[in-house]
Amino acid sequence: RGTDENAVKRILDVFPKPYRPSGGE
């Protein structure tokens, strides 16, 4: 909530790594 839709879409493209996305994400 409150996050730009494009920012959420960028998370979808990420391959998980130890520090990316963040722990909360």
mmCIF file of all heavy atoms, coordinates in Angstrom:
data_MODEL
# 
_entry.id   MODEL 
# 
loop_
_atom_site.group_PDB 
_atom_site.id 
_atom_site.type_symbol 
_atom_site.label_atom_id 
_atom_site.label_alt_id 
_atom_site.label_comp_id 
_atom_site.label_asym_id 
_atom_site.label_entity_id 
_atom_site.label_seq_id 
_atom_site.pdbx_PDB_ins_code 
_atom_site.Cartn_x 
_atom_site.Cartn_y 
_atom_site.Cartn_z 
_atom_site.occupancy 
_atom_site.B_iso_or_equiv 
_atom_site.pdbx_formal_charge 
_atom_site.auth_seq_id 
_atom_site.auth_comp_id 
_atom_site.auth_asym_id 
_atom_site.auth_atom_id 
_atom_site.pdbx_PDB_model_num 
ATOM 1   N N   . ARG A 1 1  ? 0.823  -1.208  0.000   1.00 0.00 ? 1  ARG A N   1 
ATOM 2   C CA  . ARG A 1 1  ? 0.000  0.000   0.000   1.00 0.00 ? 1  ARG A CA  1 
ATOM 3   C C   . ARG A 1 1  ? 0.861  1.263   0.000   1.00 0.00 ? 1  ARG A C   1 
ATOM 4   O O   . ARG A 1 1  ? 1.820  1.384   0.765   1.00 0.00 ? 1  ARG A O   1 
ATOM 5   C CB  . ARG A 1 1  ? -0.907 0.025   1.228   1.00 0.00 ? 1  ARG A CB  1 
ATOM 6   C CG  . ARG A 1 1  ? -1.948 1.126   1.192   1.00 0.00 ? 1  ARG A CG  1 
ATOM 7   C CD  . ARG A 1 1  ? -2.677 1.245   2.495   1.00 0.00 ? 1  ARG A CD  1 
ATOM 8   N NE  . ARG A 1 1  ? -1.805 1.770   3.554   1.00 0.00 ? 1  ARG A NE  1 
ATOM 9   C CZ  . ARG A 1 1  ? -2.217 2.107   4.770   1.00 0.00 ? 1  ARG A CZ  1 
ATOM 10  N NH1 . ARG A 1 1  ? -3.475 1.930   5.091   1.00 0.00 ? 1  ARG A NH1 1 
ATOM 11  N NH2 . ARG A 1 1  ? -1.388 2.590   5.662   1.00 0.00 ? 1  ARG A NH2 1 
ATOM 12  N N   . GLY A 1 2  ? 0.500  2.205   -0.860  1.00 0.00 ? 2  GLY A N   1 
ATOM 13  C CA  . GLY A 1 2  ? 1.230  3.469   -0.916  1.00 0.00 ? 2  GLY A CA  1 
ATOM 14  C C   . GLY A 1 2  ? 2.459  3.413   -1.790  1.00 0.00 ? 2  GLY A C   1 
ATOM 15  O O   . GLY A 1 2  ? 3.155  4.418   -1.967  1.00 0.00 ? 2  GLY A O   1 
ATOM 16  N N   . THR A 1 3  ? 2.759  2.222   -2.359  1.00 0.00 ? 3  THR A N   1 
ATOM 17  C CA  . THR A 1 3  ? 3.929  2.082   -3.231  1.00 0.00 ? 3  THR A CA  1 
ATOM 18  C C   . THR A 1 3  ? 3.502  2.238   -4.674  1.00 0.00 ? 3  THR A C   1 
ATOM 19  O O   . THR A 1 3  ? 2.453  1.753   -5.098  1.00 0.00 ? 3  THR A O   1 
ATOM 20  C CB  . THR A 1 3  ? 4.591  0.705   -3.027  1.00 0.00 ? 3  THR A CB  1 
ATOM 21  O OG1 . THR A 1 3  ? 4.928  0.557   -1.648  1.00 0.00 ? 3  THR A OG1 1 
ATOM 22  C CG2 . THR A 1 3  ? 5.855  0.571   -3.852  1.00 0.00 ? 3  THR A CG2 1 
ATOM 23  N N   . ASP A 1 4  ? 4.345  2.905   -5.458  1.00 0.00 ? 4  ASP A N   1 
ATOM 24  C CA  . ASP A 1 4  ? 4.065  3.101   -6.874  1.00 0.00 ? 4  ASP A CA  1 
ATOM 25  C C   . ASP A 1 4  ? 3.948  1.743   -7.577  1.00 0.00 ? 4  ASP A C   1 
ATOM 26  O O   . ASP A 1 4  ? 4.715  0.816   -7.319  1.00 0.00 ? 4  ASP A O   1 
ATOM 27  C CB  . ASP A 1 4  ? 5.193  3.926   -7.504  1.00 0.00 ? 4  ASP A CB  1 
ATOM 28  C CG  . ASP A 1 4  ? 4.970  4.133   -8.980  1.00 0.00 ? 4  ASP A CG  1 
ATOM 29  O OD1 . ASP A 1 4  ? 4.140  4.991   -9.332  1.00 0.00 ? 4  ASP A OD1 1 
ATOM 30  O OD2 . ASP A 1 4  ? 5.625  3.435   -9.771  1.00 0.00 ? 4  ASP A OD2 1 
ATOM 31  N N   . GLU A 1 5  ? 2.972  1.619   -8.487  1.00 0.00 ? 5  GLU A N   1 
ATOM 32  C CA  . GLU A 1 5  ? 2.740  0.354   -9.176  1.00 0.00 ? 5  GLU A CA  1 
ATOM 33  C C   . GLU A 1 5  ? 3.965  -0.103  -9.946  1.00 0.00 ? 5  GLU A C   1 
ATOM 34  O O   . GLU A 1 5  ? 4.277  -1.293  -10.017 1.00 0.00 ? 5  GLU A O   1 
ATOM 35  C CB  . GLU A 1 5  ? 1.546  0.499   -10.132 1.00 0.00 ? 5  GLU A CB  1 
ATOM 36  C CG  . GLU A 1 5  ? 1.136  -0.811  -10.789 1.00 0.00 ? 5  GLU A CG  1 
ATOM 37  C CD  . GLU A 1 5  ? -0.132 -0.656  -11.604 1.00 0.00 ? 5  GLU A CD  1 
ATOM 38  O OE1 . GLU A 1 5  ? -0.864 0.334   -11.407 1.00 0.00 ? 5  GLU A OE1 1 
ATOM 39  O OE2 . GLU A 1 5  ? -0.401 -1.540  -12.445 1.00 0.00 ? 5  GLU A OE2 1 
ATOM 40  N N   . ASN A 1 6  ? 4.708  0.841   -10.508 1.00 0.00 ? 6  ASN A N   1 
ATOM 41  C CA  . ASN A 1 6  ? 5.926  0.484   -11.251 1.00 0.00 ? 6  ASN A CA  1 
ATOM 42  C C   . ASN A 1 6  ? 6.996  -0.087  -10.326 1.00 0.00 ? 6  ASN A C   1 
ATOM 43  O O   . ASN A 1 6  ? 7.771  -0.963  -10.729 1.00 0.00 ? 6  ASN A O   1 
ATOM 44  C CB  . ASN A 1 6  ? 6.470  1.700   -11.998 1.00 0.00 ? 6  ASN A CB  1 
ATOM 45  C CG  . ASN A 1 6  ? 5.573  2.108   -13.151 1.00 0.00 ? 6  ASN A CG  1 
ATOM 46  O OD1 . ASN A 1 6  ? 4.956  1.252   -13.792 1.00 0.00 ? 6  ASN A OD1 1 
ATOM 47  N ND2 . ASN A 1 6  ? 5.488  3.401   -13.420 1.00 0.00 ? 6  ASN A ND2 1 
ATOM 48  N N   . ALA A 1 7  ? 7.046  0.412   -9.071  1.00 0.00 ? 7  ALA A N   1 
ATOM 49  C CA  . ALA A 1 7  ? 8.012  -0.117  -8.113  1.00 0.00 ? 7  ALA A CA  1 
ATOM 50  C C   . ALA A 1 7  ? 7.699  -1.569  -7.781  1.00 0.00 ? 7  ALA A C   1 
ATOM 51  O O   . ALA A 1 7  ? 8.600  -2.394  -7.635  1.00 0.00 ? 7  ALA A O   1 
ATOM 52  C CB  . ALA A 1 7  ? 8.009  0.728   -6.839  1.00 0.00 ? 7  ALA A CB  1 
ATOM 53  N N   . VAL A 1 8  ? 6.406  -1.889  -7.674  1.00 0.00 ? 8  VAL A N   1 
ATOM 54  C CA  . VAL A 1 8  ? 6.010  -3.268  -7.421  1.00 0.00 ? 8  VAL A CA  1 
ATOM 55  C C   . VAL A 1 8  ? 6.368  -4.144  -8.615  1.00 0.00 ? 8  VAL A C   1 
ATOM 56  O O   . VAL A 1 8  ? 6.861  -5.268  -8.454  1.00 0.00 ? 8  VAL A O   1 
ATOM 57  C CB  . VAL A 1 8  ? 4.501  -3.353  -7.120  1.00 0.00 ? 8  VAL A CB  1 
ATOM 58  C CG1 . VAL A 1 8  ? 4.053  -4.809  -6.986  1.00 0.00 ? 8  VAL A CG1 1 
ATOM 59  C CG2 . VAL A 1 8  ? 4.171  -2.592  -5.836  1.00 0.00 ? 8  VAL A CG2 1 
ATOM 60  N N   . LYS A 1 9  ? 6.157  -3.635  -9.818  1.00 0.00 ? 9  LYS A N   1 
ATOM 61  C CA  . LYS A 1 9  ? 6.500  -4.404  -11.022 1.00 0.00 ? 9  LYS A CA  1 
ATOM 62  C C   . LYS A 1 9  ? 7.995  -4.689  -11.086 1.00 0.00 ? 9  LYS A C   1 
ATOM 63  O O   . LYS A 1 9  ? 8.410  -5.766  -11.537 1.00 0.00 ? 9  LYS A O   1 
ATOM 64  C CB  . LYS A 1 9  ? 6.051  -3.638  -12.279 1.00 0.00 ? 9  LYS A CB  1 
ATOM 65  C CG  . LYS A 1 9  ? 4.546  -3.620  -12.486 1.00 0.00 ? 9  LYS A CG  1 
ATOM 66  C CD  . LYS A 1 9  ? 4.172  -2.860  -13.750 1.00 0.00 ? 9  LYS A CD  1 
ATOM 67  C CE  . LYS A 1 9  ? 2.668  -2.864  -13.959 1.00 0.00 ? 9  LYS A CE  1 
ATOM 68  N NZ  . LYS A 1 9  ? 2.269  -2.083  -15.165 1.00 0.00 ? 9  LYS A NZ  1 
ATOM 69  N N   . ARG A 1 10 ? 8.811  -3.741  -10.624 1.00 0.00 ? 10 ARG A N   1 
ATOM 70  C CA  . ARG A 1 10 ? 10.258 -3.966  -10.641 1.00 0.00 ? 10 ARG A CA  1 
ATOM 71  C C   . ARG A 1 10 ? 10.641 -5.104  -9.690  1.00 0.00 ? 10 ARG A C   1 
ATOM 72  O O   . ARG A 1 10 ? 11.570 -5.869  -9.965  1.00 0.00 ? 10 ARG A O   1 
ATOM 73  C CB  . ARG A 1 10 ? 11.005 -2.683  -10.265 1.00 0.00 ? 10 ARG A CB  1 
ATOM 74  C CG  . ARG A 1 10 ? 11.017 -1.632  -11.377 1.00 0.00 ? 10 ARG A CG  1 
ATOM 75  C CD  . ARG A 1 10 ? 12.020 -0.527  -11.101 1.00 0.00 ? 10 ARG A CD  1 
ATOM 76  N NE  . ARG A 1 10 ? 11.648 0.283   -9.961  1.00 0.00 ? 10 ARG A NE  1 
ATOM 77  C CZ  . ARG A 1 10 ? 10.873 1.370   -10.046 1.00 0.00 ? 10 ARG A CZ  1 
ATOM 78  N NH1 . ARG A 1 10 ? 10.368 1.743   -11.223 1.00 0.00 ? 10 ARG A NH1 1 
ATOM 79  N NH2 . ARG A 1 10 ? 10.584 2.075   -8.972  1.00 0.00 ? 10 ARG A NH2 1 
ATOM 80  N N   . ILE A 1 11 ? 9.933  -5.228  -8.577  1.00 0.00 ? 11 ILE A N   1 
ATOM 81  C CA  . ILE A 1 11 ? 10.200 -6.325  -7.642  1.00 0.00 ? 11 ILE A CA  1 
ATOM 82  C C   . ILE A 1 11 ? 9.921  -7.664  -8.314  1.00 0.00 ? 11 ILE A C   1 
ATOM 83  O O   . ILE A 1 11 ? 10.645 -8.641  -8.100  1.00 0.00 ? 11 ILE A O   1 
ATOM 84  C CB  . ILE A 1 11 ? 9.342  -6.164  -6.368  1.00 0.00 ? 11 ILE A CB  1 
ATOM 85  C CG1 . ILE A 1 11 ? 9.801  -4.951  -5.569  1.00 0.00 ? 11 ILE A CG1 1 
ATOM 86  C CG2 . ILE A 1 11 ? 9.401  -7.420  -5.495  1.00 0.00 ? 11 ILE A CG2 1 
ATOM 87  C CD1 . ILE A 1 11 ? 8.911  -4.606  -4.395  1.00 0.00 ? 11 ILE A CD1 1 
ATOM 88  N N   . LEU A 1 12 ? 8.893  -7.720  -9.163  1.00 0.00 ? 12 LEU A N   1 
ATOM 89  C CA  . LEU A 1 12 ? 8.524  -8.972  -9.832  1.00 0.00 ? 12 LEU A CA  1 
ATOM 90  C C   . LEU A 1 12 ? 9.625  -9.485  -10.747 1.00 0.00 ? 12 LEU A C   1 
ATOM 91  O O   . LEU A 1 12 ? 9.723  -10.693 -10.990 1.00 0.00 ? 12 LEU A O   1 
ATOM 92  C CB  . LEU A 1 12 ? 7.234  -8.777  -10.634 1.00 0.00 ? 12 LEU A CB  1 
ATOM 93  C CG  . LEU A 1 12 ? 5.975  -8.433  -9.831  1.00 0.00 ? 12 LEU A CG  1 
ATOM 94  C CD1 . LEU A 1 12 ? 4.802  -8.199  -10.768 1.00 0.00 ? 12 LEU A CD1 1 
ATOM 95  C CD2 . LEU A 1 12 ? 5.644  -9.533  -8.846  1.00 0.00 ? 12 LEU A CD2 1 
ATOM 96  N N   . ASP A 1 13 ? 10.483 -8.598  -11.236 1.00 0.00 ? 13 ASP A N   1 
ATOM 97  C CA  . ASP A 1 13 ? 11.555 -8.999  -12.148 1.00 0.00 ? 13 ASP A CA  1 
ATOM 98  C C   . ASP A 1 13 ? 12.816 -9.474  -11.421 1.00 0.00 ? 13 ASP A C   1 
ATOM 99  O O   . ASP A 1 13 ? 13.737 -9.987  -12.049 1.00 0.00 ? 13 ASP A O   1 
ATOM 100 C CB  . ASP A 1 13 ? 11.937 -7.822  -13.061 1.00 0.00 ? 13 ASP A CB  1 
ATOM 101 C CG  . ASP A 1 13 ? 10.812 -7.463  -14.031 1.00 0.00 ? 13 ASP A CG  1 
ATOM 102 O OD1 . ASP A 1 13 ? 10.033 -8.369  -14.386 1.00 0.00 ? 13 ASP A OD1 1 
ATOM 103 O OD2 . ASP A 1 13 ? 10.717 -6.282  -14.416 1.00 0.00 ? 13 ASP A OD2 1 
ATOM 104 N N   . VAL A 1 14 ? 12.842 -9.330  -10.108 1.00 0.00 ? 14 VAL A N   1 
ATOM 105 C CA  . VAL A 1 14 ? 14.053 -9.624  -9.334  1.00 0.00 ? 14 VAL A CA  1 
ATOM 106 C C   . VAL A 1 14 ? 14.227 -11.131 -9.137  1.00 0.00 ? 14 VAL A C   1 
ATOM 107 O O   . VAL A 1 14 ? 13.267 -11.857 -8.881  1.00 0.00 ? 14 VAL A O   1 
ATOM 108 C CB  . VAL A 1 14 ? 13.987 -8.921  -7.960  1.00 0.00 ? 14 VAL A CB  1 
ATOM 109 C CG1 . VAL A 1 14 ? 15.122 -9.396  -7.044  1.00 0.00 ? 14 VAL A CG1 1 
ATOM 110 C CG2 . VAL A 1 14 ? 14.063 -7.409  -8.140  1.00 0.00 ? 14 VAL A CG2 1 
ATOM 111 N N   . PHE A 1 15 ? 15.489 -11.593 -9.252  1.00 0.00 ? 15 PHE A N   1 
ATOM 112 C CA  . PHE A 1 15 ? 15.860 -12.941 -8.851  1.00 0.00 ? 15 PHE A CA  1 
ATOM 113 C C   . PHE A 1 15 ? 16.334 -12.840 -7.399  1.00 0.00 ? 15 PHE A C   1 
ATOM 114 O O   . PHE A 1 15 ? 17.280 -12.089 -7.115  1.00 0.00 ? 15 PHE A O   1 
ATOM 115 C CB  . PHE A 1 15 ? 16.973 -13.490 -9.739  1.00 0.00 ? 15 PHE A CB  1 
ATOM 116 C CG  . PHE A 1 15 ? 16.523 -13.816 -11.140 1.00 0.00 ? 15 PHE A CG  1 
ATOM 117 C CD1 . PHE A 1 15 ? 16.379 -12.820 -12.089 1.00 0.00 ? 15 PHE A CD1 1 
ATOM 118 C CD2 . PHE A 1 15 ? 16.226 -15.128 -11.494 1.00 0.00 ? 15 PHE A CD2 1 
ATOM 119 C CE1 . PHE A 1 15 ? 15.962 -13.112 -13.383 1.00 0.00 ? 15 PHE A CE1 1 
ATOM 120 C CE2 . PHE A 1 15 ? 15.806 -15.434 -12.782 1.00 0.00 ? 15 PHE A CE2 1 
ATOM 121 C CZ  . PHE A 1 15 ? 15.663 -14.424 -13.728 1.00 0.00 ? 15 PHE A CZ  1 
ATOM 122 N N   . PRO A 1 16 ? 15.694 -13.557 -6.467  1.00 0.00 ? 16 PRO A N   1 
ATOM 123 C CA  . PRO A 1 16 ? 16.015 -13.366 -5.044  1.00 0.00 ? 16 PRO A CA  1 
ATOM 124 C C   . PRO A 1 16 ? 17.483 -13.594 -4.721  1.00 0.00 ? 16 PRO A C   1 
ATOM 125 O O   . PRO A 1 16 ? 18.100 -14.556 -5.175  1.00 0.00 ? 16 PRO A O   1 
ATOM 126 C CB  . PRO A 1 16 ? 15.135 -14.417 -4.350  1.00 0.00 ? 16 PRO A CB  1 
ATOM 127 C CG  . PRO A 1 16 ? 14.052 -14.700 -5.307  1.00 0.00 ? 16 PRO A CG  1 
ATOM 128 C CD  . PRO A 1 16 ? 14.644 -14.559 -6.667  1.00 0.00 ? 16 PRO A CD  1 
ATOM 129 N N   . LYS A 1 17 ? 18.028 -12.688 -3.930  1.00 0.00 ? 17 LYS A N   1 
ATOM 130 C CA  . LYS A 1 17 ? 19.388 -12.786 -3.421  1.00 0.00 ? 17 LYS A CA  1 
ATOM 131 C C   . LYS A 1 17 ? 19.329 -12.518 -1.919  1.00 0.00 ? 17 LYS A C   1 
ATOM 132 O O   . LYS A 1 17 ? 18.296 -12.075 -1.403  1.00 0.00 ? 17 LYS A O   1 
ATOM 133 C CB  . LYS A 1 17 ? 20.291 -11.768 -4.127  1.00 0.00 ? 17 LYS A CB  1 
ATOM 134 C CG  . LYS A 1 17 ? 20.484 -12.043 -5.616  1.00 0.00 ? 17 LYS A CG  1 
ATOM 135 C CD  . LYS A 1 17 ? 21.354 -10.973 -6.258  1.00 0.00 ? 17 LYS A CD  1 
ATOM 136 C CE  . LYS A 1 17 ? 21.617 -11.315 -7.733  1.00 0.00 ? 17 LYS A CE  1 
ATOM 137 N NZ  . LYS A 1 17 ? 20.381 -11.388 -8.515  1.00 0.00 ? 17 LYS A NZ  1 
ATOM 138 N N   . PRO A 1 18 ? 20.432 -12.762 -1.189  1.00 0.00 ? 18 PRO A N   1 
ATOM 139 C CA  . PRO A 1 18 ? 20.376 -12.586 0.269   1.00 0.00 ? 18 PRO A CA  1 
ATOM 140 C C   . PRO A 1 18 ? 19.842 -11.229 0.713   1.00 0.00 ? 18 PRO A C   1 
ATOM 141 O O   . PRO A 1 18 ? 19.126 -11.142 1.699   1.00 0.00 ? 18 PRO A O   1 
ATOM 142 C CB  . PRO A 1 18 ? 21.835 -12.798 0.699   1.00 0.00 ? 18 PRO A CB  1 
ATOM 143 C CG  . PRO A 1 18 ? 22.381 -13.739 -0.327  1.00 0.00 ? 18 PRO A CG  1 
ATOM 144 C CD  . PRO A 1 18 ? 21.719 -13.345 -1.622  1.00 0.00 ? 18 PRO A CD  1 
ATOM 145 N N   . TYR A 1 19 ? 20.190 -10.169 -0.014  1.00 0.00 ? 19 TYR A N   1 
ATOM 146 C CA  . TYR A 1 19 ? 19.784 -8.837  0.437   1.00 0.00 ? 19 TYR A CA  1 
ATOM 147 C C   . TYR A 1 19 ? 18.899 -8.129  -0.588  1.00 0.00 ? 19 TYR A C   1 
ATOM 148 O O   . TYR A 1 19 ? 18.730 -6.919  -0.525  1.00 0.00 ? 19 TYR A O   1 
ATOM 149 C CB  . TYR A 1 19 ? 21.024 -7.990  0.746   1.00 0.00 ? 19 TYR A CB  1 
ATOM 150 C CG  . TYR A 1 19 ? 21.897 -8.621  1.802   1.00 0.00 ? 19 TYR A CG  1 
ATOM 151 C CD1 . TYR A 1 19 ? 23.076 -9.260  1.474   1.00 0.00 ? 19 TYR A CD1 1 
ATOM 152 C CD2 . TYR A 1 19 ? 21.496 -8.613  3.132   1.00 0.00 ? 19 TYR A CD2 1 
ATOM 153 C CE1 . TYR A 1 19 ? 23.864 -9.864  2.454   1.00 0.00 ? 19 TYR A CE1 1 
ATOM 154 C CE2 . TYR A 1 19 ? 22.260 -9.208  4.117   1.00 0.00 ? 19 TYR A CE2 1 
ATOM 155 C CZ  . TYR A 1 19 ? 23.450 -9.829  3.769   1.00 0.00 ? 19 TYR A CZ  1 
ATOM 156 O OH  . TYR A 1 19 ? 24.207 -10.434 4.738   1.00 0.00 ? 19 TYR A OH  1 
ATOM 157 N N   . ARG A 1 20 ? 18.337 -8.876  -1.514  1.00 0.00 ? 20 ARG A N   1 
ATOM 158 C CA  . ARG A 1 20 ? 17.458 -8.279  -2.509  1.00 0.00 ? 20 ARG A CA  1 
ATOM 159 C C   . ARG A 1 20 ? 16.458 -9.312  -2.979  1.00 0.00 ? 20 ARG A C   1 
ATOM 160 O O   . ARG A 1 20 ? 16.886 -10.377 -3.438  1.00 0.00 ? 20 ARG A O   1 
ATOM 161 C CB  . ARG A 1 20 ? 18.281 -7.758  -3.688  1.00 0.00 ? 20 ARG A CB  1 
ATOM 162 C CG  . ARG A 1 20 ? 17.443 -6.974  -4.708  1.00 0.00 ? 20 ARG A CG  1 
ATOM 163 C CD  . ARG A 1 20 ? 18.353 -6.274  -5.706  1.00 0.00 ? 20 ARG A CD  1 
ATOM 164 N NE  . ARG A 1 20 ? 17.555 -5.500  -6.635  1.00 0.00 ? 20 ARG A NE  1 
ATOM 165 C CZ  . ARG A 1 20 ? 17.437 -5.771  -7.944  1.00 0.00 ? 20 ARG A CZ  1 
ATOM 166 N NH1 . ARG A 1 20 ? 18.085 -6.783  -8.460  1.00 0.00 ? 20 ARG A NH1 1 
ATOM 167 N NH2 . ARG A 1 20 ? 16.701 -5.019  -8.722  1.00 0.00 ? 20 ARG A NH2 1 
ATOM 168 N N   . PRO A 1 21 ? 15.170 -9.056  -2.868  1.00 0.00 ? 21 PRO A N   1 
ATOM 169 C CA  . PRO A 1 21 ? 14.539 -7.914  -2.198  1.00 0.00 ? 21 PRO A CA  1 
ATOM 170 C C   . PRO A 1 21 ? 14.871 -7.885  -0.702  1.00 0.00 ? 21 PRO A C   1 
ATOM 171 O O   . PRO A 1 21 ? 15.485 -8.818  -0.189  1.00 0.00 ? 21 PRO A O   1 
ATOM 172 C CB  . PRO A 1 21 ? 13.038 -8.182  -2.402  1.00 0.00 ? 21 PRO A CB  1 
ATOM 173 C CG  . PRO A 1 21 ? 12.960 -9.167  -3.533  1.00 0.00 ? 21 PRO A CG  1 
ATOM 174 C CD  . PRO A 1 21 ? 14.177 -10.000 -3.403  1.00 0.00 ? 21 PRO A CD  1 
ATOM 175 N N   . SER A 1 22 ? 14.432 -6.832  -0.035  1.00 0.00 ? 22 SER A N   1 
ATOM 176 C CA  . SER A 1 22 ? 14.692 -6.706  1.396   1.00 0.00 ? 22 SER A CA  1 
ATOM 177 C C   . SER A 1 22 ? 13.938 -7.795  2.159   1.00 0.00 ? 22 SER A C   1 
ATOM 178 O O   . SER A 1 22 ? 13.044 -8.453  1.625   1.00 0.00 ? 22 SER A O   1 
ATOM 179 C CB  . SER A 1 22 ? 14.258 -5.331  1.900   1.00 0.00 ? 22 SER A CB  1 
ATOM 180 O OG  . SER A 1 22 ? 12.838 -5.225  1.894   1.00 0.00 ? 22 SER A OG  1 
ATOM 181 N N   . GLY A 1 23 ? 14.298 -7.966  3.450   1.00 0.00 ? 23 GLY A N   1 
ATOM 182 C CA  . GLY A 1 23 ? 13.622 -8.974  4.266   1.00 0.00 ? 23 GLY A CA  1 
ATOM 183 C C   . GLY A 1 23 ? 12.127 -8.747  4.345   1.00 0.00 ? 23 GLY A C   1 
ATOM 184 O O   . GLY A 1 23 ? 11.331 -9.693  4.240   1.00 0.00 ? 23 GLY A O   1 
ATOM 185 N N   . GLY A 1 24 ? 11.724 -7.489  4.521   1.00 0.00 ? 24 GLY A N   1 
ATOM 186 C CA  . GLY A 1 24 ? 10.302 -7.177  4.595   1.00 0.00 ? 24 GLY A CA  1 
ATOM 187 C C   . GLY A 1 24 ? 9.589  -7.445  3.283   1.00 0.00 ? 24 GLY A C   1 
ATOM 188 O O   . GLY A 1 24 ? 8.438  -7.911  3.266   1.00 0.00 ? 24 GLY A O   1 
ATOM 189 N N   . GLU A 1 25 ? 10.245 -7.172  2.146   1.00 0.00 ? 25 GLU A N   1 
ATOM 190 C CA  . GLU A 1 25 ? 9.636  -7.431  0.839   1.00 0.00 ? 25 GLU A CA  1 
ATOM 191 C C   . GLU A 1 25 ? 9.507  -8.933  0.587   1.00 0.00 ? 25 GLU A C   1 
ATOM 192 O O   . GLU A 1 25 ? 8.487  -9.403  0.078   1.00 0.00 ? 25 GLU A O   1 
ATOM 193 C CB  . GLU A 1 25 ? 10.472 -6.770  -0.253  1.00 0.00 ? 25 GLU A CB  1 
ATOM 194 C CG  . GLU A 1 25 ? 10.345 -5.262  -0.279  1.00 0.00 ? 25 GLU A CG  1 
ATOM 195 C CD  . GLU A 1 25 ? 11.302 -4.597  -1.253  1.00 0.00 ? 25 GLU A CD  1 
ATOM 196 O OE1 . GLU A 1 25 ? 12.382 -5.176  -1.524  1.00 0.00 ? 25 GLU A OE1 1 
ATOM 197 O OE2 . GLU A 1 25 ? 10.978 -3.492  -1.731  1.00 0.00 ? 25 GLU A OE2 1 
# 
